[in-house]
Amino acid sequence: MKTLEPLIEKIEAEIMASDLLHADDTPIRVLDRSRRDKGLGKGVKKGRIWAYVRDQRPWAGTSPPGAVYQFAPDWKEEHVLAHLSEASGIL
């Protein structure tokens, strides 16, 4: 993973700098040993996976399509604001 980190960071920066991004989130079950007897089941809580996608092909864009996936431990806006802190286009 360490070897690919520079490439992952470059792809993420390129996608997130797009002038047009699509975003969606999906709830996922995340292991959490501190919640063994609470929540969604033994040692499980709800987290979110956010997908940020650039695909301008339908609008004759020249940028190649790509996607970035970010984990968030909950649905608080602070996570999305952090993900989009460098974004400056249309969401």
N, C-alpha and C. Protein backbone atom coordinates (compact mmCIF):
# COMPACT_ATOMS: atom_id res chain seq x y z
N MET A 1 0.83 -1.20 0.00
CA MET A 1 0.00 0.00 0.00
C MET A 1 0.87 1.26 0.00
N LYS A 2 1.92 1.28 0.79
CA LYS A 2 2.81 2.45 0.86
C LYS A 2 3.37 2.79 -0.51
N THR A 3 3.67 1.78 -1.29
CA THR A 3 4.24 1.99 -2.62
C THR A 3 3.26 2.73 -3.53
N LEU A 4 1.98 2.44 -3.39
CA LEU A 4 0.97 3.05 -4.25
C LEU A 4 0.46 4.39 -3.74
N GLU A 5 0.81 4.76 -2.52
CA GLU A 5 0.29 5.99 -1.93
C GLU A 5 0.47 7.24 -2.79
N PRO A 6 1.64 7.48 -3.37
CA PRO A 6 1.78 8.68 -4.22
C PRO A 6 0.83 8.66 -5.43
N LEU A 7 0.63 7.50 -6.01
CA LEU A 7 -0.28 7.39 -7.14
C LEU A 7 -1.73 7.62 -6.71
N ILE A 8 -2.11 7.04 -5.58
CA ILE A 8 -3.47 7.22 -5.05
C ILE A 8 -3.72 8.70 -4.75
N GLU A 9 -2.76 9.36 -4.14
CA GLU A 9 -2.90 10.78 -3.81
C GLU A 9 -3.03 11.64 -5.07
N LYS A 10 -2.27 11.30 -6.10
CA LYS A 10 -2.33 12.06 -7.36
C LYS A 10 -3.69 11.88 -8.04
N ILE A 11 -4.18 10.64 -8.08
CA ILE A 11 -5.49 10.38 -8.68
C ILE A 11 -6.57 11.11 -7.90
N GLU A 12 -6.51 11.03 -6.57
CA GLU A 12 -7.50 11.71 -5.74
C GLU A 12 -7.49 13.22 -5.98
N ALA A 13 -6.31 13.82 -6.01
CA ALA A 13 -6.21 15.27 -6.23
C ALA A 13 -6.76 15.64 -7.60
N GLU A 14 -6.47 14.84 -8.61
CA GLU A 14 -6.96 15.10 -9.97
C GLU A 14 -8.49 15.03 -10.04
N ILE A 15 -9.06 14.00 -9.45
CA ILE A 15 -10.52 13.83 -9.49
C ILE A 15 -11.20 14.95 -8.69
N MET A 16 -10.71 15.21 -7.47
CA MET A 16 -11.36 16.19 -6.61
C MET A 16 -11.20 17.62 -7.12
N ALA A 17 -10.25 17.87 -8.01
CA ALA A 17 -10.06 19.20 -8.59
C ALA A 17 -10.97 19.43 -9.79
N SER A 18 -11.77 18.46 -10.14
CA SER A 18 -12.67 18.58 -11.28
C SER A 18 -13.65 19.73 -11.09
N ASP A 19 -14.08 20.32 -12.19
CA ASP A 19 -15.07 21.39 -12.10
C ASP A 19 -16.50 20.84 -12.02
N LEU A 20 -16.66 19.51 -12.13
CA LEU A 20 -17.96 18.86 -12.02
C LEU A 20 -17.79 17.51 -11.34
N LEU A 21 -18.36 17.37 -10.14
CA LEU A 21 -18.27 16.13 -9.38
C LEU A 21 -19.67 15.61 -9.07
N HIS A 22 -19.79 14.30 -9.06
CA HIS A 22 -21.00 13.63 -8.58
C HIS A 22 -20.62 12.98 -7.25
N ALA A 23 -21.55 12.94 -6.30
CA ALA A 23 -21.26 12.33 -5.00
C ALA A 23 -22.44 11.50 -4.54
N ASP A 24 -22.13 10.44 -3.81
CA ASP A 24 -23.16 9.60 -3.21
C ASP A 24 -22.53 8.88 -2.03
N ASP A 25 -23.37 8.50 -1.08
CA ASP A 25 -22.86 7.74 0.06
C ASP A 25 -23.66 6.46 0.23
N THR A 26 -23.02 5.49 0.84
CA THR A 26 -23.64 4.20 1.12
C THR A 26 -23.34 3.83 2.57
N PRO A 27 -24.37 3.43 3.31
CA PRO A 27 -24.11 2.98 4.68
C PRO A 27 -23.44 1.60 4.66
N ILE A 28 -22.50 1.40 5.57
CA ILE A 28 -21.85 0.10 5.69
C ILE A 28 -21.75 -0.26 7.16
N ARG A 29 -21.61 -1.55 7.41
CA ARG A 29 -21.43 -2.03 8.78
C ARG A 29 -19.93 -2.09 9.06
N VAL A 30 -19.53 -1.50 10.20
CA VAL A 30 -18.13 -1.41 10.57
C VAL A 30 -17.94 -2.07 11.93
N LEU A 31 -16.91 -2.89 12.04
CA LEU A 31 -16.62 -3.52 13.33
C LEU A 31 -16.20 -2.48 14.35
N ASP A 32 -16.73 -2.60 15.55
CA ASP A 32 -16.39 -1.71 16.66
C ASP A 32 -16.52 -2.51 17.95
N ARG A 33 -15.41 -2.98 18.45
CA ARG A 33 -15.42 -3.85 19.62
C ARG A 33 -15.95 -3.16 20.88
N SER A 34 -15.95 -1.83 20.90
CA SER A 34 -16.47 -1.12 22.08
C SER A 34 -17.99 -1.20 22.15
N ARG A 35 -18.64 -1.67 21.09
CA ARG A 35 -20.10 -1.74 21.05
C ARG A 35 -20.57 -3.19 20.97
N ARG A 36 -19.93 -4.07 21.66
CA ARG A 36 -20.24 -5.50 21.56
C ARG A 36 -21.70 -5.83 21.82
N ASP A 37 -22.35 -5.14 22.74
CA ASP A 37 -23.73 -5.48 23.10
C ASP A 37 -24.73 -4.42 22.68
N LYS A 38 -24.31 -3.46 21.86
CA LYS A 38 -25.20 -2.37 21.45
C LYS A 38 -25.23 -2.26 19.93
N GLY A 39 -26.10 -1.42 19.43
CA GLY A 39 -26.08 -1.06 18.02
C GLY A 39 -26.68 -2.10 17.10
N LEU A 40 -26.07 -2.26 15.95
CA LEU A 40 -26.61 -3.09 14.89
C LEU A 40 -26.32 -4.58 15.07
N GLY A 41 -25.58 -4.93 16.06
CA GLY A 41 -25.21 -6.31 16.29
C GLY A 41 -23.96 -6.35 17.13
N LYS A 42 -23.45 -7.51 17.36
CA LYS A 42 -22.27 -7.63 18.21
C LYS A 42 -21.07 -6.91 17.61
N GLY A 43 -20.67 -5.84 18.25
CA GLY A 43 -19.47 -5.13 17.84
C GLY A 43 -19.56 -4.45 16.48
N VAL A 44 -20.75 -4.01 16.10
CA VAL A 44 -20.94 -3.40 14.78
C VAL A 44 -21.60 -2.03 14.94
N LYS A 45 -21.14 -1.07 14.15
CA LYS A 45 -21.81 0.23 14.07
C LYS A 45 -21.95 0.59 12.60
N LYS A 46 -22.67 1.67 12.34
CA LYS A 46 -22.89 2.09 10.95
C LYS A 46 -21.87 3.15 10.56
N GLY A 47 -21.18 2.95 9.46
CA GLY A 47 -20.28 3.94 8.88
C GLY A 47 -20.78 4.30 7.49
N ARG A 48 -20.04 5.12 6.78
CA ARG A 48 -20.45 5.53 5.42
C ARG A 48 -19.24 5.45 4.49
N ILE A 49 -19.50 5.05 3.27
CA ILE A 49 -18.52 5.14 2.20
C ILE A 49 -19.05 6.20 1.23
N TRP A 50 -18.26 7.23 1.01
CA TRP A 50 -18.62 8.29 0.07
C TRP A 50 -17.89 8.05 -1.24
N ALA A 51 -18.61 8.15 -2.33
CA ALA A 51 -18.01 8.05 -3.66
C ALA A 51 -18.10 9.42 -4.32
N TYR A 52 -16.98 9.89 -4.82
CA TYR A 52 -16.91 11.15 -5.57
C TYR A 52 -16.45 10.77 -6.97
N VAL A 53 -17.26 11.11 -7.96
CA VAL A 53 -17.03 10.62 -9.32
C VAL A 53 -16.93 11.78 -10.29
N ARG A 54 -15.94 11.67 -11.19
CA ARG A 54 -15.83 12.61 -12.31
C ARG A 54 -16.09 11.81 -13.58
N ASP A 55 -17.10 12.22 -14.32
CA ASP A 55 -17.37 11.62 -15.63
C ASP A 55 -18.05 12.67 -16.49
N GLN A 56 -17.26 13.31 -17.32
CA GLN A 56 -17.77 14.40 -18.16
C GLN A 56 -18.06 13.95 -19.59
N ARG A 57 -17.95 12.65 -19.85
CA ARG A 57 -18.17 12.16 -21.21
C ARG A 57 -19.54 12.53 -21.77
N PRO A 58 -20.64 12.47 -20.96
CA PRO A 58 -21.94 12.85 -21.53
C PRO A 58 -22.01 14.30 -21.99
N TRP A 59 -21.11 15.15 -21.50
CA TRP A 59 -21.10 16.57 -21.86
C TRP A 59 -19.90 16.91 -22.73
N ALA A 60 -19.36 15.92 -23.41
CA ALA A 60 -18.22 16.08 -24.33
C ALA A 60 -16.97 16.58 -23.62
N GLY A 61 -16.83 16.24 -22.34
CA GLY A 61 -15.63 16.61 -21.58
C GLY A 61 -14.43 15.78 -22.02
N THR A 62 -13.25 16.33 -21.85
CA THR A 62 -12.04 15.64 -22.29
C THR A 62 -11.31 14.91 -21.15
N SER A 63 -11.70 15.17 -19.91
CA SER A 63 -11.05 14.52 -18.77
C SER A 63 -11.49 13.06 -18.68
N PRO A 64 -10.57 12.16 -18.37
CA PRO A 64 -10.97 10.76 -18.22
C PRO A 64 -11.82 10.58 -16.96
N PRO A 65 -12.75 9.63 -16.98
CA PRO A 65 -13.56 9.39 -15.80
C PRO A 65 -12.72 8.81 -14.66
N GLY A 66 -13.18 9.01 -13.45
CA GLY A 66 -12.48 8.47 -12.29
C GLY A 66 -13.35 8.57 -11.06
N ALA A 67 -12.97 7.83 -10.02
CA ALA A 67 -13.73 7.83 -8.77
C ALA A 67 -12.78 7.82 -7.58
N VAL A 68 -13.21 8.46 -6.51
CA VAL A 68 -12.49 8.48 -5.24
C VAL A 68 -13.48 8.01 -4.18
N TYR A 69 -13.02 7.13 -3.32
CA TYR A 69 -13.85 6.61 -2.24
C TYR A 69 -13.26 7.05 -0.91
N GLN A 70 -14.13 7.58 -0.04
CA GLN A 70 -13.70 8.05 1.28
C GLN A 70 -14.58 7.42 2.34
N PHE A 71 -13.98 7.00 3.44
CA PHE A 71 -14.72 6.45 4.56
C PHE A 71 -15.06 7.57 5.55
N ALA A 72 -16.24 7.48 6.14
CA ALA A 72 -16.64 8.37 7.23
C ALA A 72 -17.28 7.51 8.32
N PRO A 73 -16.93 7.73 9.57
CA PRO A 73 -17.47 6.89 10.64
C PRO A 73 -18.94 7.15 10.95
N ASP A 74 -19.48 8.27 10.44
CA ASP A 74 -20.89 8.61 10.66
C ASP A 74 -21.34 9.56 9.55
N TRP A 75 -22.54 10.10 9.68
CA TRP A 75 -23.12 10.93 8.61
C TRP A 75 -23.00 12.42 8.92
N LYS A 76 -22.06 12.81 9.75
CA LYS A 76 -21.89 14.22 10.11
C LYS A 76 -21.28 14.98 8.94
N GLU A 77 -21.73 16.23 8.79
CA GLU A 77 -21.29 17.05 7.66
C GLU A 77 -19.79 17.36 7.68
N GLU A 78 -19.17 17.31 8.85
CA GLU A 78 -17.75 17.64 8.95
C GLU A 78 -16.89 16.72 8.06
N HIS A 79 -17.31 15.49 7.88
CA HIS A 79 -16.54 14.56 7.05
C HIS A 79 -16.62 14.96 5.57
N VAL A 80 -17.82 15.28 5.13
CA VAL A 80 -18.00 15.69 3.73
C VAL A 80 -17.28 17.01 3.47
N LEU A 81 -17.36 17.93 4.41
CA LEU A 81 -16.66 19.20 4.24
C LEU A 81 -15.15 18.98 4.15
N ALA A 82 -14.63 18.03 4.92
CA ALA A 82 -13.20 17.72 4.84
C ALA A 82 -12.87 17.08 3.49
N HIS A 83 -13.72 16.17 3.02
CA HIS A 83 -13.49 15.53 1.72
C HIS A 83 -13.47 16.58 0.61
N LEU A 84 -14.37 17.55 0.70
CA LEU A 84 -14.53 18.54 -0.36
C LEU A 84 -13.77 19.84 -0.11
N SER A 85 -12.86 19.85 0.84
CA SER A 85 -12.17 21.09 1.21
C SER A 85 -11.38 21.70 0.05
N GLU A 86 -10.88 20.90 -0.86
CA GLU A 86 -10.11 21.41 -1.99
C GLU A 86 -10.95 21.55 -3.26
N ALA A 87 -12.19 21.08 -3.22
CA ALA A 87 -13.06 21.13 -4.40
C ALA A 87 -13.56 22.55 -4.64
N SER A 88 -13.71 22.91 -5.92
CA SER A 88 -14.19 24.26 -6.23
C SER A 88 -15.16 24.28 -7.40
N GLY A 89 -15.65 23.14 -7.78
CA GLY A 89 -16.55 23.08 -8.92
C GLY A 89 -18.00 22.85 -8.48
N ILE A 90 -18.76 22.29 -9.39
CA ILE A 90 -20.16 22.00 -9.17
C ILE A 90 -20.27 20.58 -8.62
N LEU A 91 -21.07 20.41 -7.58
CA LEU A 91 -21.31 19.09 -7.00
C LEU A 91 -22.70 18.65 -7.37
